[in-house]
Amino acid sequence: MPMSTPTASARVYRMKTAEHMCPFGLKMVGLLKRKGFKVDGHTLTSRDEIDAFKKQENVDTTPQVYIGDQRIGGYEELRKHLGMSVHNAKKPHIGQ
């Protein structure tokens, strides 16, 4: 009989204010859950909380995901980490 393995856990820090709910944070949480991760969600609900988190973690953007003690990064970095393709490659705008 195979031994059961503990469920991997991930911490997600994402923006959720009265004015804005980060769509990439929601996508990140959904992807992690579909991949079997236990998600510990941390919502950043004010500009002060968001700025303090970014300064403390030395990052430019949210959401950010940590698996174990390792910071993976944002949504695209998570997809790469999980061996998935990245669909949102930035393309130059024509005429600008």
Protein backbone atom coordinates (compact mmCIF):
# COMPACT_ATOMS: atom_id res chain seq x y z
CA MET A 1 0.00 0.00 0.00
CA PRO A 2 1.51 3.40 -0.99
CA MET A 3 2.33 5.81 1.78
CA SER A 4 0.30 8.99 1.77
CA THR A 5 2.25 12.21 1.34
CA PRO A 6 1.37 15.39 3.18
CA THR A 7 -0.37 18.06 1.15
CA ALA A 8 2.02 20.80 0.05
CA SER A 9 1.09 24.22 1.31
CA ALA A 10 1.48 27.65 -0.24
CA ARG A 11 1.11 31.17 1.14
CA VAL A 12 -0.45 33.73 -1.19
CA TYR A 13 -0.31 37.47 -0.57
CA ARG A 14 -2.79 39.34 -2.75
CA MET A 15 -4.51 42.69 -3.02
CA LYS A 16 -8.17 42.98 -2.09
CA THR A 17 -9.34 46.53 -1.44
CA ALA A 18 -12.74 48.19 -1.71
CA GLU A 19 -11.60 49.56 -5.09
CA HIS A 20 -9.81 46.54 -6.54
CA MET A 21 -9.62 42.76 -6.26
CA CYS A 22 -6.52 41.43 -8.00
CA PRO A 23 -7.57 38.99 -10.74
CA PHE A 24 -4.12 37.38 -10.84
CA GLY A 25 -4.35 36.70 -7.10
CA LEU A 26 -7.65 34.89 -7.65
CA LYS A 27 -6.19 32.93 -10.58
CA MET A 28 -3.16 32.03 -8.45
CA VAL A 29 -5.29 30.67 -5.59
CA GLY A 30 -7.44 28.67 -8.01
CA LEU A 31 -4.43 27.18 -9.79
CA LEU A 32 -2.77 26.17 -6.52
CA LYS A 33 -5.95 24.49 -5.28
CA ARG A 34 -6.39 22.62 -8.57
CA LYS A 35 -2.80 21.40 -8.22
CA GLY A 36 -3.55 20.04 -4.76
CA PHE A 37 -1.95 22.72 -2.60
CA LYS A 38 -3.34 23.80 0.74
CA VAL A 39 -3.54 27.59 0.33
CA ASP A 40 -2.96 29.98 3.20
CA GLY A 41 -4.35 33.24 1.85
CA HIS A 42 -3.26 36.66 3.07
CA THR A 43 -5.26 39.59 1.74
CA LEU A 44 -3.69 43.02 1.68
CA THR A 45 -6.61 45.38 2.18
CA SER A 46 -5.10 48.86 2.15
CA ARG A 47 -2.45 50.80 0.24
CA ASP A 48 -0.38 50.94 3.45
CA GLU A 49 -0.50 47.13 3.87
CA ILE A 50 0.37 46.61 0.20
CA ASP A 51 3.30 49.03 0.31
CA ALA A 52 4.60 47.60 3.61
CA PHE A 53 4.46 44.04 2.22
CA LYS A 54 6.30 45.00 -0.97
CA LYS A 55 8.98 46.82 1.01
CA GLN A 56 9.39 44.01 3.56
CA GLU A 57 9.65 41.33 0.86
CA ASN A 58 11.60 43.51 -1.60
CA VAL A 59 9.13 42.91 -4.44
CA ASP A 60 7.56 45.30 -6.94
CA THR A 61 4.18 43.64 -7.37
CA THR A 62 1.49 41.51 -5.81
CA PRO A 63 0.31 38.78 -5.79
CA GLN A 64 3.25 36.78 -4.47
CA VAL A 65 3.31 33.09 -3.64
CA TYR A 66 5.60 31.18 -1.30
CA ILE A 67 5.85 27.41 -1.32
CA GLY A 68 7.56 26.28 1.84
CA ASP A 69 10.20 28.89 2.58
CA GLN A 70 10.78 29.68 -1.10
CA ARG A 71 9.32 32.78 -2.76
CA ILE A 72 8.15 31.69 -6.19
CA GLY A 73 6.92 35.08 -7.38
CA GLY A 74 3.80 36.18 -9.22
CA TYR A 75 1.27 34.27 -11.32
CA GLU A 76 3.50 33.75 -14.36
CA GLU A 77 6.41 32.59 -12.19
CA LEU A 78 4.06 30.15 -10.45
CA ARG A 79 3.01 28.70 -13.81
CA LYS A 80 6.68 28.29 -14.78
CA HIS A 81 7.46 26.72 -11.39
CA LEU A 82 4.67 24.18 -11.95
CA GLY A 83 6.00 23.36 -15.43
CA MET A 84 3.15 25.10 -17.23
CA SER A 85 3.31 27.44 -20.19
CA VAL A 86 2.98 31.19 -19.73
CA HIS A 87 0.16 32.58 -21.86
CA ASN A 88 0.40 36.28 -21.07
CA ALA A 89 3.66 37.12 -22.82
CA LYS A 90 3.84 40.87 -23.30
CA LYS A 91 3.80 42.00 -26.91
CA PRO A 92 4.87 45.45 -28.10
CA HIS A 93 2.06 47.81 -29.04
CA ILE A 94 2.07 48.81 -32.70
CA GLY A 95 2.03 52.54 -33.32
CA GLN A 96 3.40 53.53 -29.93
